[in-house]
PDB file of all heavy atoms in Angstrom:
ATOM      1  N   GLN A   1       0.836  -1.194   0.000  1.00  0.00           N
ATOM      2  CA  GLN A   1       0.000   0.000   0.000  1.00  0.00           C
ATOM      3  C   GLN A   1       0.869   1.242   0.000  1.00  0.00           C
ATOM      4  O   GLN A   1       0.597   2.211  -0.696  1.00  0.00           O
ATOM      5  CB  GLN A   1      -0.912  -0.008   1.232  1.00  0.00           C
ATOM      6  CG  GLN A   1      -1.855   1.164   1.328  1.00  0.00           C
ATOM      7  CD  GLN A   1      -2.751   1.026   2.555  1.00  0.00           C
ATOM      8  OE1 GLN A   1      -3.148  -0.060   2.916  1.00  0.00           O
ATOM      9  NE2 GLN A   1      -3.049   2.155   3.184  1.00  0.00           N
ATOM     10  N   ARG A   2       1.965   1.182   0.817  1.00  0.00           N
ATOM     11  CA  ARG A   2       2.865   2.333   0.918  1.00  0.00           C
ATOM     12  C   ARG A   2       4.266   1.822   1.249  1.00  0.00           C
ATOM     13  O   ARG A   2       4.433   0.859   1.988  1.00  0.00           O
ATOM     14  CB  ARG A   2       2.356   3.269   2.016  1.00  0.00           C
ATOM     15  CG  ARG A   2       3.134   4.583   2.084  1.00  0.00           C
ATOM     16  CD  ARG A   2       2.547   5.543   3.115  1.00  0.00           C
ATOM     17  NE  ARG A   2       2.861   5.065   4.460  1.00  0.00           N
ATOM     18  CZ  ARG A   2       2.018   5.114   5.480  1.00  0.00           C
ATOM     19  NH1 ARG A   2       0.805   5.593   5.321  1.00  0.00           N
ATOM     20  NH2 ARG A   2       2.378   4.673   6.657  1.00  0.00           N
ATOM     21  N   GLU A   3       5.271   2.484   0.705  1.00  0.00           N
ATOM     22  CA  GLU A   3       6.658   2.121   0.983  1.00  0.00           C
ATOM     23  C   GLU A   3       7.421   3.385   1.312  1.00  0.00           C
ATOM     24  O   GLU A   3       7.298   4.391   0.617  1.00  0.00           O
ATOM     25  CB  GLU A   3       7.287   1.424  -0.222  1.00  0.00           C
ATOM     26  CG  GLU A   3       8.692   0.937   0.042  1.00  0.00           C
ATOM     27  CD  GLU A   3       9.248   0.074  -1.090  1.00  0.00           C
ATOM     28  OE1 GLU A   3       8.500  -0.749  -1.649  1.00  0.00           O
ATOM     29  OE2 GLU A   3      10.440   0.233  -1.388  1.00  0.00           O
ATOM     30  N   THR A   4       8.221   3.302   2.421  1.00  0.00           N
ATOM     31  CA  THR A   4       9.004   4.457   2.845  1.00  0.00           C
ATOM     32  C   THR A   4      10.450   4.033   3.038  1.00  0.00           C
ATOM     33  O   THR A   4      10.719   3.038   3.720  1.00  0.00           O
ATOM     34  CB  THR A   4       8.466   5.027   4.184  1.00  0.00           C
ATOM     35  OG1 THR A   4       7.058   5.233   4.062  1.00  0.00           O
ATOM     36  CG2 THR A   4       9.150   6.330   4.545  1.00  0.00           C
ATOM     37  N   ALA A   5      11.373   4.789   2.431  1.00  0.00           N
ATOM     38  CA  ALA A   5      12.810   4.552   2.613  1.00  0.00           C
ATOM     39  C   ALA A   5      13.342   5.644   3.529  1.00  0.00           C
ATOM     40  O   ALA A   5      13.088   6.828   3.314  1.00  0.00           O
ATOM     41  CB  ALA A   5      13.527   4.560   1.281  1.00  0.00           C
ATOM     42  N   TYR A   6      14.075   5.233   4.570  1.00  0.00           N
ATOM     43  CA  TYR A   6      14.609   6.175   5.548  1.00  0.00           C
ATOM     44  C   TYR A   6      16.087   6.425   5.274  1.00  0.00           C
ATOM     45  O   TYR A   6      16.776   5.588   4.668  1.00  0.00           O
ATOM     46  CB  TYR A   6      14.411   5.637   6.967  1.00  0.00           C
ATOM     47  CG  TYR A   6      12.955   5.511   7.342  1.00  0.00           C
ATOM     48  CD1 TYR A   6      12.263   4.316   7.151  1.00  0.00           C
ATOM     49  CD2 TYR A   6      12.263   6.587   7.873  1.00  0.00           C
ATOM     50  CE1 TYR A   6      10.921   4.190   7.490  1.00  0.00           C
ATOM     51  CE2 TYR A   6      10.914   6.479   8.216  1.00  0.00           C
ATOM     52  CZ  TYR A   6      10.255   5.279   8.025  1.00  0.00           C
ATOM     53  OH  TYR A   6       8.929   5.173   8.348  1.00  0.00           O
ATOM     54  N   PRO A   7      16.617   7.580   5.746  1.00  0.00           N
ATOM     55  CA  PRO A   7      18.024   7.927   5.495  1.00  0.00           C
ATOM     56  C   PRO A   7      19.020   6.902   6.068  1.00  0.00           C
ATOM     57  O   PRO A   7      20.112   6.733   5.534  1.00  0.00           O
ATOM     58  CB  PRO A   7      18.198   9.281   6.186  1.00  0.00           C
ATOM     59  CG  PRO A   7      16.827   9.825   6.401  1.00  0.00           C
ATOM     60  CD  PRO A   7      15.903   8.648   6.438  1.00  0.00           C
ATOM     61  N   ASP A   8      18.618   6.192   7.142  1.00  0.00           N
ATOM     62  CA  ASP A   8      19.542   5.215   7.745  1.00  0.00           C
ATOM     63  C   ASP A   8      19.573   3.896   6.976  1.00  0.00           C
ATOM     64  O   ASP A   8      20.235   2.952   7.379  1.00  0.00           O
ATOM     65  CB  ASP A   8      19.182   4.972   9.216  1.00  0.00           C
ATOM     66  CG  ASP A   8      17.787   4.366   9.405  1.00  0.00           C
ATOM     67  OD1 ASP A   8      17.092   4.095   8.400  1.00  0.00           O
ATOM     68  OD2 ASP A   8      17.397   4.157  10.579  1.00  0.00           O
ATOM     69  N   GLY A   9      18.827   3.825   5.865  1.00  0.00           N
ATOM     70  CA  GLY A   9      18.834   2.620   5.040  1.00  0.00           C
ATOM     71  C   GLY A   9      17.678   1.689   5.313  1.00  0.00           C
ATOM     72  O   GLY A   9      17.474   0.704   4.611  1.00  0.00           O
ATOM     73  N   LYS A  10      16.903   1.988   6.329  1.00  0.00           N
ATOM     74  CA  LYS A  10      15.743   1.168   6.682  1.00  0.00           C
ATOM     75  C   LYS A  10      14.627   1.424   5.664  1.00  0.00           C
ATOM     76  O   LYS A  10      14.430   2.551   5.206  1.00  0.00           O
ATOM     77  CB  LYS A  10      15.309   1.548   8.097  1.00  0.00           C
ATOM     78  CG  LYS A  10      14.151   0.774   8.651  1.00  0.00           C
ATOM     79  CD  LYS A  10      13.939   1.066  10.139  1.00  0.00           C
ATOM     80  CE  LYS A  10      13.442   2.488  10.334  1.00  0.00           C
ATOM     81  NZ  LYS A  10      13.146   2.819  11.723  1.00  0.00           N
ATOM     82  N   VAL A  11      13.898   0.352   5.312  1.00  0.00           N
ATOM     83  CA  VAL A  11      12.773   0.465   4.387  1.00  0.00           C
ATOM     84  C   VAL A  11      11.540  -0.122   5.073  1.00  0.00           C
ATOM     85  O   VAL A  11      11.580  -1.230   5.596  1.00  0.00           O
ATOM     86  CB  VAL A  11      13.046  -0.282   3.058  1.00  0.00           C
ATOM     87  CG1 VAL A  11      11.815  -0.248   2.160  1.00  0.00           C
ATOM     88  CG2 VAL A  11      14.263   0.277   2.355  1.00  0.00           C
ATOM     89  N   GLU A  12      10.442   0.648   5.064  1.00  0.00           N
ATOM     90  CA  GLU A  12       9.200   0.176   5.672  1.00  0.00           C
ATOM     91  C   GLU A  12       8.148   0.038   4.587  1.00  0.00           C
ATOM     92  O   GLU A  12       7.940   0.934   3.777  1.00  0.00           O
ATOM     93  CB  GLU A  12       8.717   1.153   6.744  1.00  0.00           C
ATOM     94  CG  GLU A  12       7.457   0.689   7.441  1.00  0.00           C
ATOM     95  CD  GLU A  12       7.030   1.602   8.585  1.00  0.00           C
ATOM     96  OE1 GLU A  12       7.650   2.656   8.806  1.00  0.00           O
ATOM     97  OE2 GLU A  12       6.056   1.241   9.273  1.00  0.00           O
ATOM     98  N   LYS A  13       7.489  -1.117   4.600  1.00  0.00           N
ATOM     99  CA  LYS A  13       6.390  -1.357   3.662  1.00  0.00           C
ATOM    100  C   LYS A  13       5.130  -1.619   4.465  1.00  0.00           C
ATOM    101  O   LYS A  13       5.144  -2.405   5.407  1.00  0.00           O
ATOM    102  CB  LYS A  13       6.672  -2.580   2.782  1.00  0.00           C
ATOM    103  CG  LYS A  13       7.761  -2.401   1.762  1.00  0.00           C
ATOM    104  CD  LYS A  13       7.884  -3.664   0.906  1.00  0.00           C
ATOM    105  CE  LYS A  13       8.991  -3.490  -0.129  1.00  0.00           C
ATOM    106  NZ  LYS A  13       9.064  -4.666  -1.014  1.00  0.00           N
ATOM    107  N   ILE A  14       4.071  -0.968   4.080  1.00  0.00           N
ATOM    108  CA  ILE A  14       2.767  -1.247   4.677  1.00  0.00           C
ATOM    109  C   ILE A  14       1.961  -1.944   3.599  1.00  0.00           C
ATOM    110  O   ILE A  14       1.761  -1.409   2.500  1.00  0.00           O
ATOM    111  CB  ILE A  14       2.078   0.035   5.158  1.00  0.00           C
ATOM    112  CG1 ILE A  14       2.936   0.692   6.239  1.00  0.00           C
ATOM    113  CG2 ILE A  14       0.675  -0.278   5.692  1.00  0.00           C
ATOM    114  CD1 ILE A  14       2.460   2.043   6.691  1.00  0.00           C
ATOM    115  N   LEU A  15       1.547  -3.170   3.907  1.00  0.00           N
ATOM    116  CA  LEU A  15       0.811  -3.965   2.929  1.00  0.00           C
ATOM    117  C   LEU A  15      -0.684  -3.672   3.020  1.00  0.00           C
ATOM    118  O   LEU A  15      -1.172  -3.192   4.049  1.00  0.00           O
ATOM    119  CB  LEU A  15       1.086  -5.454   3.166  1.00  0.00           C
ATOM    120  CG  LEU A  15       2.559  -5.883   3.188  1.00  0.00           C
ATOM    121  CD1 LEU A  15       2.671  -7.375   3.412  1.00  0.00           C
ATOM    122  CD2 LEU A  15       3.268  -5.488   1.902  1.00  0.00           C
ATOM    123  N   LYS A  16      -1.378  -3.992   1.953  1.00  0.00           N
ATOM    124  CA  LYS A  16      -2.822  -3.729   1.900  1.00  0.00           C
ATOM    125  C   LYS A  16      -3.581  -4.525   2.961  1.00  0.00           C
ATOM    126  O   LYS A  16      -4.638  -4.097   3.411  1.00  0.00           O
ATOM    127  CB  LYS A  16      -3.368  -4.021   0.502  1.00  0.00           C
ATOM    128  CG  LYS A  16      -2.997  -2.944  -0.489  1.00  0.00           C
ATOM    129  CD  LYS A  16      -3.722  -3.083  -1.785  1.00  0.00           C
ATOM    130  CE  LYS A  16      -3.379  -1.877  -2.661  1.00  0.00           C
ATOM    131  NZ  LYS A  16      -3.947  -1.996  -3.991  1.00  0.00           N
ATOM    132  N   ASN A  17      -3.030  -5.671   3.387  1.00  0.00           N
ATOM    133  CA  ASN A  17      -3.702  -6.472   4.409  1.00  0.00           C
ATOM    134  C   ASN A  17      -3.465  -5.937   5.825  1.00  0.00           C
ATOM    135  O   ASN A  17      -3.942  -6.501   6.794  1.00  0.00           O
ATOM    136  CB  ASN A  17      -3.289  -7.942   4.312  1.00  0.00           C
ATOM    137  CG  ASN A  17      -1.838  -8.177   4.678  1.00  0.00           C
ATOM    138  OD1 ASN A  17      -1.108  -7.273   5.103  1.00  0.00           O
ATOM    139  ND2 ASN A  17      -1.395  -9.412   4.510  1.00  0.00           N
ATOM    140  N   GLY A  18      -2.688  -4.845   5.947  1.00  0.00           N
ATOM    141  CA  GLY A  18      -2.450  -4.215   7.243  1.00  0.00           C
ATOM    142  C   GLY A  18      -1.133  -4.578   7.893  1.00  0.00           C
ATOM    143  O   GLY A  18      -0.774  -4.016   8.926  1.00  0.00           O
ATOM    144  N   CYS A  19      -0.398  -5.513   7.314  1.00  0.00           N
ATOM    145  CA  CYS A  19       0.909  -5.887   7.872  1.00  0.00           C
ATOM    146  C   CYS A  19       1.930  -4.785   7.595  1.00  0.00           C
ATOM    147  O   CYS A  19       1.867  -4.110   6.580  1.00  0.00           O
ATOM    148  CB  CYS A  19       1.414  -7.179   7.250  1.00  0.00           C
ATOM    149  SG  CYS A  19       0.507  -8.638   7.763  1.00  0.00           S
ATOM    150  N   HIS A  20       2.880  -4.655   8.522  1.00  0.00           N
ATOM    151  CA  HIS A  20       3.999  -3.734   8.351  1.00  0.00           C
ATOM    152  C   HIS A  20       5.257  -4.581   8.205  1.00  0.00           C
ATOM    153  O   HIS A  20       5.496  -5.485   9.007  1.00  0.00           O
ATOM    154  CB  HIS A  20       4.182  -2.837   9.579  1.00  0.00           C
ATOM    155  CG  HIS A  20       3.140  -1.793   9.729  1.00  0.00           C
ATOM    156  ND1 HIS A  20       3.430  -0.460   9.773  1.00  0.00           N
ATOM    157  CD2 HIS A  20       1.796  -1.882   9.852  1.00  0.00           C
ATOM    158  CE1 HIS A  20       2.311   0.226   9.919  1.00  0.00           C
ATOM    159  NE2 HIS A  20       1.303  -0.625   9.978  1.00  0.00           N
ATOM    160  N   LEU A  21       6.077  -4.276   7.220  1.00  0.00           N
ATOM    161  CA  LEU A  21       7.372  -4.933   7.046  1.00  0.00           C
ATOM    162  C   LEU A  21       8.447  -3.871   7.149  1.00  0.00           C
ATOM    163  O   LEU A  21       8.359  -2.828   6.484  1.00  0.00           O
ATOM    164  CB  LEU A  21       7.465  -5.620   5.675  1.00  0.00           C
ATOM    165  CG  LEU A  21       6.475  -6.747   5.399  1.00  0.00           C
ATOM    166  CD1 LEU A  21       6.613  -7.225   3.954  1.00  0.00           C
ATOM    167  CD2 LEU A  21       6.710  -7.898   6.351  1.00  0.00           C
ATOM    168  N   ILE A  22       9.450  -4.130   7.978  1.00  0.00           N
ATOM    169  CA  ILE A  22      10.564  -3.196   8.103  1.00  0.00           C
ATOM    170  C   ILE A  22      11.842  -3.973   7.780  1.00  0.00           C
ATOM    171  O   ILE A  22      12.148  -4.983   8.424  1.00  0.00           O
ATOM    172  CB  ILE A  22      10.647  -2.583   9.515  1.00  0.00           C
ATOM    173  CG1 ILE A  22       9.309  -1.894   9.850  1.00  0.00           C
ATOM    174  CG2 ILE A  22      11.800  -1.594   9.612  1.00  0.00           C
ATOM    175  CD1 ILE A  22       9.139  -1.550  11.310  1.00  0.00           C
ATOM    176  N   PHE A  23      12.558  -3.499   6.774  1.00  0.00           N
ATOM    177  CA  PHE A  23      13.809  -4.126   6.348  1.00  0.00           C
ATOM    178  C   PHE A  23      14.961  -3.245   6.807  1.00  0.00           C
ATOM    179  O   PHE A  23      14.991  -2.057   6.508  1.00  0.00           O
ATOM    180  CB  PHE A  23      13.844  -4.290   4.822  1.00  0.00           C
ATOM    181  CG  PHE A  23      12.730  -5.151   4.290  1.00  0.00           C
ATOM    182  CD1 PHE A  23      11.523  -4.585   3.873  1.00  0.00           C
ATOM    183  CD2 PHE A  23      12.873  -6.525   4.234  1.00  0.00           C
ATOM    184  CE1 PHE A  23      10.488  -5.373   3.404  1.00  0.00           C
ATOM    185  CE2 PHE A  23      11.837  -7.323   3.761  1.00  0.00           C
ATOM    186  CZ  PHE A  23      10.643  -6.746   3.340  1.00  0.00           C
ATOM    187  N   PHE A  24      15.899  -3.837   7.544  1.00  0.00           N
ATOM    188  CA  PHE A  24      17.042  -3.099   8.052  1.00  0.00           C
ATOM    189  C   PHE A  24      18.246  -3.342   7.148  1.00  0.00           C
ATOM    190  O   PHE A  24      18.342  -4.400   6.503  1.00  0.00           O
ATOM    191  CB  PHE A  24      17.352  -3.533   9.491  1.00  0.00           C
ATOM    192  CG  PHE A  24      16.240  -3.198  10.452  1.00  0.00           C
ATOM    193  CD1 PHE A  24      15.192  -4.081  10.670  1.00  0.00           C
ATOM    194  CD2 PHE A  24      16.235  -1.980  11.125  1.00  0.00           C
ATOM    195  CE1 PHE A  24      14.160  -3.771  11.544  1.00  0.00           C
ATOM    196  CE2 PHE A  24      15.205  -1.666  12.002  1.00  0.00           C
ATOM    197  CZ  PHE A  24      14.165  -2.563  12.209  1.00  0.00           C
ATOM    198  N   PRO A  25      19.189  -2.402   7.113  1.00  0.00           N
ATOM    199  CA  PRO A  25      20.348  -2.545   6.223  1.00  0.00           C
ATOM    200  C   PRO A  25      21.201  -3.796   6.487  1.00  0.00           C
ATOM    201  O   PRO A  25      21.834  -4.318   5.581  1.00  0.00           O
ATOM    202  CB  PRO A  25      21.171  -1.283   6.497  1.00  0.00           C
ATOM    203  CG  PRO A  25      20.245  -0.316   7.139  1.00  0.00           C
ATOM    204  CD  PRO A  25      19.181  -1.133   7.815  1.00  0.00           C
ATOM    205  N   ASN A  26      21.194  -4.305   7.725  1.00  0.00           N
ATOM    206  CA  ASN A  26      22.018  -5.477   8.046  1.00  0.00           C
ATOM    207  C   ASN A  26      21.365  -6.790   7.623  1.00  0.00           C
ATOM    208  O   ASN A  26      21.900  -7.857   7.863  1.00  0.00           O
ATOM    209  CB  ASN A  26      22.354  -5.518   9.541  1.00  0.00           C
ATOM    210  CG  ASN A  26      21.141  -5.787  10.422  1.00  0.00           C
ATOM    211  OD1 ASN A  26      20.012  -5.907   9.949  1.00  0.00           O
ATOM    212  ND2 ASN A  26      21.385  -5.871  11.723  1.00  0.00           N
ATOM    213  N   GLY A  27      20.144  -6.731   7.023  1.00  0.00           N
ATOM    214  CA  GLY A  27      19.471  -7.939   6.560  1.00  0.00           C
ATOM    215  C   GLY A  27      18.366  -8.415   7.486  1.00  0.00           C
ATOM    216  O   GLY A  27      17.655  -9.361   7.167  1.00  0.00           O
ATOM    217  N   THR A  28      18.211  -7.777   8.629  1.00  0.00           N
ATOM    218  CA  THR A  28      17.139  -8.135   9.553  1.00  0.00           C
ATOM    219  C   THR A  28      15.810  -7.607   9.017  1.00  0.00           C
ATOM    220  O   THR A  28      15.761  -6.530   8.438  1.00  0.00           O
ATOM    221  CB  THR A  28      17.425  -7.540  10.955  1.00  0.00           C
ATOM    222  OG1 THR A  28      18.612  -8.160  11.465  1.00  0.00           O
ATOM    223  CG2 THR A  28      16.278  -7.777  11.923  1.00  0.00           C
ATOM    224  N   CYS A  29      14.749  -8.397   9.214  1.00  0.00           N
ATOM    225  CA  CYS A  29      13.411  -8.003   8.757  1.00  0.00           C
ATOM    226  C   CYS A  29      12.439  -8.155   9.921  1.00  0.00           C
ATOM    227  O   CYS A  29      12.423  -9.174  10.606  1.00  0.00           O
ATOM    228  CB  CYS A  29      12.974  -8.890   7.594  1.00  0.00           C
ATOM    229  SG  CYS A  29      11.266  -8.619   7.081  1.00  0.00           S
ATOM    230  N   LYS A  30      11.625  -7.125  10.129  1.00  0.00           N
ATOM    231  CA  LYS A  30      10.614  -7.156  11.185  1.00  0.00           C
ATOM    232  C   LYS A  30       9.242  -7.092  10.522  1.00  0.00           C
ATOM    233  O   LYS A  30       8.979  -6.215   9.702  1.00  0.00           O
ATOM    234  CB  LYS A  30      10.798  -5.973  12.135  1.00  0.00           C
ATOM    235  CG  LYS A  30       9.773  -5.897  13.246  1.00  0.00           C
ATOM    236  CD  LYS A  30      10.079  -4.714  14.177  1.00  0.00           C
ATOM    237  CE  LYS A  30       9.092  -4.630  15.320  1.00  0.00           C
ATOM    238  NZ  LYS A  30       9.419  -3.512  16.227  1.00  0.00           N
ATOM    239  N   LYS A  31       8.373  -8.033  10.891  1.00  0.00           N
ATOM    240  CA  LYS A  31       7.016  -8.059  10.351  1.00  0.00           C
ATOM    241  C   LYS A  31       6.042  -7.917  11.510  1.00  0.00           C
ATOM    242  O   LYS A  31       6.074  -8.700  12.453  1.00  0.00           O
ATOM    243  CB  LYS A  31       6.751  -9.378   9.616  1.00  0.00           C
ATOM    244  CG  LYS A  31       5.339  -9.500   9.076  1.00  0.00           C
ATOM    245  CD  LYS A  31       5.116 -10.846   8.393  1.00  0.00           C
ATOM    246  CE  LYS A  31       3.685 -10.951   7.890  1.00  0.00           C
ATOM    247  NZ  LYS A  31       3.430 -12.257   7.261  1.00  0.00           N
ATOM    248  N   VAL A  32       5.194  -6.893  11.431  1.00  0.00           N
ATOM    249  CA  VAL A  32       4.154  -6.695  12.427  1.00  0.00           C
ATOM    250  C   VAL A  32       2.846  -7.087  11.757  1.00  0.00           C
ATOM    251  O   VAL A  32       2.491  -6.529  10.711  1.00  0.00           O
ATOM    252  CB  VAL A  32       4.108  -5.230  12.920  1.00  0.00           C
ATOM    253  CG1 VAL A  32       3.002  -5.039  13.949  1.00  0.00           C
ATOM    254  CG2 VAL A  32       5.459  -4.812  13.494  1.00  0.00           C
ATOM    255  N   GLY A  33       2.162  -8.066  12.355  1.00  0.00           N
ATOM    256  CA  GLY A  33       0.921  -8.568  11.773  1.00  0.00           C
ATOM    257  C   GLY A  33      -0.166  -7.512  11.730  1.00  0.00           C
ATOM    258  O   GLY A  33      -0.083  -6.481  12.416  1.00  0.00           O
ATOM    259  N   SER A  34      -1.198  -7.748  10.954  1.00  0.00           N
ATOM    260  CA  SER A  34      -2.298  -6.789  10.800  1.00  0.00           C
ATOM    261  C   SER A  34      -3.019  -6.550  12.122  1.00  0.00           C
ATOM    262  O   SER A  34      -3.652  -5.512  12.306  1.00  0.00           O
ATOM    263  CB  SER A  34      -3.279  -7.268   9.728  1.00  0.00           C
ATOM    264  OG  SER A  34      -3.763  -8.557  10.067  1.00  0.00           O
ATOM    265  N   ASP A  35      -2.880  -7.498  13.081  1.00  0.00           N
ATOM    266  CA  ASP A  35      -3.499  -7.302  14.398  1.00  0.00           C
ATOM    267  C   ASP A  35      -2.689  -6.352  15.272  1.00  0.00           C
ATOM    268  O   ASP A  35      -3.131  -5.939  16.340  1.00  0.00           O
ATOM    269  CB  ASP A  35      -3.689  -8.644  15.111  1.00  0.00           C
ATOM    270  CG  ASP A  35      -2.366  -9.379  15.378  1.00  0.00           C
ATOM    271  OD1 ASP A  35      -1.279  -8.833  15.078  1.00  0.00           O
ATOM    272  OD2 ASP A  35      -2.435 -10.509  15.894  1.00  0.00           O
ATOM    273  N   GLY A  36      -1.465  -6.024  14.829  1.00  0.00           N
ATOM    274  CA  GLY A  36      -0.594  -5.129  15.589  1.00  0.00           C
ATOM    275  C   GLY A  36       0.044  -5.781  16.795  1.00  0.00           C
ATOM    276  O   GLY A  36       0.832  -5.167  17.492  1.00  0.00           O
ATOM    277  N   LYS A  37      -0.271  -7.052  17.050  1.00  0.00           N
ATOM    278  CA  LYS A  37       0.223  -7.747  18.237  1.00  0.00           C
ATOM    279  C   LYS A  37       1.193  -8.877  17.902  1.00  0.00           C
ATOM    280  O   LYS A  37       1.985  -9.271  18.745  1.00  0.00           O
ATOM    281  CB  LYS A  37      -0.955  -8.320  19.038  1.00  0.00           C
ATOM    282  CG  LYS A  37      -1.883  -7.268  19.581  1.00  0.00           C
ATOM    283  CD  LYS A  37      -3.046  -7.906  20.318  1.00  0.00           C
ATOM    284  CE  LYS A  37      -3.995  -6.852  20.860  1.00  0.00           C
ATOM    285  NZ  LYS A  37      -5.150  -7.443  21.520  1.00  0.00           N
ATOM    286  N   THR A  38       1.097  -9.413  16.708  1.00  0.00           N
ATOM    287  CA  THR A  38       1.974 -10.512  16.313  1.00  0.00           C
ATOM    288  C   THR A  38       3.182  -9.919  15.595  1.00  0.00           C
ATOM    289  O   THR A  38       3.020  -9.230  14.586  1.00  0.00           O
ATOM    290  CB  THR A  38       1.235 -11.495  15.383  1.00  0.00           C
ATOM    291  OG1 THR A  38       0.040 -11.934  16.030  1.00  0.00           O
ATOM    292  CG2 THR A  38       2.107 -12.696  15.054  1.00  0.00           C
ATOM    293  N   VAL A  39       4.364 -10.178  16.148  1.00  0.00           N
ATOM    294  CA  VAL A  39       5.586  -9.616  15.577  1.00  0.00           C
ATOM    295  C   VAL A  39       6.552 -10.758  15.282  1.00  0.00           C
ATOM    296  O   VAL A  39       6.781 -11.628  16.125  1.00  0.00           O
ATOM    297  CB  VAL A  39       6.248  -8.612  16.554  1.00  0.00           C
ATOM    298  CG1 VAL A  39       7.544  -8.052  15.978  1.00  0.00           C
ATOM    299  CG2 VAL A  39       5.288  -7.481  16.904  1.00  0.00           C
ATOM    300  N   THR A  40       7.115 -10.751  14.086  1.00  0.00           N
ATOM    301  CA  THR A  40       8.140 -11.726  13.724  1.00  0.00           C
ATOM    302  C   THR A  40       9.367 -10.960  13.245  1.00  0.00           C
ATOM    303  O   THR A  40       9.275 -10.138  12.333  1.00  0.00           O
ATOM    304  CB  THR A  40       7.644 -12.665  12.602  1.00  0.00           C
ATOM    305  OG1 THR A  40       6.448 -13.314  13.044  1.00  0.00           O
ATOM    306  CG2 THR A  40       8.689 -13.716  12.264  1.00  0.00           C
ATOM    307  N   ILE A  41      10.498 -11.242  13.885  1.00  0.00           N
ATOM    308  CA  ILE A  41      11.753 -10.614  13.489  1.00  0.00           C
ATOM    309  C   ILE A  41      12.671 -11.724  12.984  1.00  0.00           C
ATOM    310  O   ILE A  41      12.957 -12.676  13.708  1.00  0.00           O
ATOM    311  CB  ILE A  41      12.421  -9.873  14.665  1.00  0.00           C
ATOM    312  CG1 ILE A  41      11.460  -8.831  15.235  1.00  0.00           C
ATOM    313  CG2 ILE A  41      13.735  -9.228  14.212  1.00  0.00           C
ATOM    314  CD1 ILE A  41      11.885  -8.258  16.574  1.00  0.00           C
ATOM    315  N   THR A  42      13.094 -11.595  11.737  1.00  0.00           N
ATOM    316  CA  THR A  42      14.038 -12.542  11.156  1.00  0.00           C
ATOM    317  C   THR A  42      15.383 -11.825  11.086  1.00  0.00           C
ATOM    318  O   THR A  42      15.522 -10.831  10.371  1.00  0.00           O
ATOM    319  CB  THR A  42      13.577 -12.991   9.758  1.00  0.00           C
ATOM    320  OG1 THR A  42      12.244 -13.508   9.865  1.00  0.00           O
ATOM    321  CG2 THR A  42      14.501 -14.076   9.200  1.00  0.00           C
ATOM    322  N   PHE A  43      16.343 -12.325  11.864  1.00  0.00           N
ATOM    323  CA  PHE A  43      17.647 -11.668  11.950  1.00  0.00           C
ATOM    324  C   PHE A  43      18.552 -12.101  10.804  1.00  0.00           C
ATOM    325  O   PHE A  43      18.355 -13.158  10.201  1.00  0.00           O
ATOM    326  CB  PHE A  43      18.303 -11.977  13.307  1.00  0.00           C
ATOM    327  CG  PHE A  43      17.530 -11.405  14.469  1.00  0.00           C
ATOM    328  CD1 PHE A  43      16.606 -12.181  15.154  1.00  0.00           C
ATOM    329  CD2 PHE A  43      17.717 -10.095  14.864  1.00  0.00           C
ATOM    330  CE1 PHE A  43      15.889 -11.667  16.220  1.00  0.00           C
ATOM    331  CE2 PHE A  43      17.001  -9.567  15.934  1.00  0.00           C
ATOM    332  CZ  PHE A  43      16.086 -10.355  16.612  1.00  0.00           C
TER     333      PHE A  43
END
């Protein structure tokens, strides 16, 4: 739905289903579920 790139290299994507994905420059990815309570971080 929306994608934002930050100066520190982090990229945030908001999906149409309500999930948030945050990609960090070191390869870590954080996914916040559409419920806002389920979080998965893949290092």
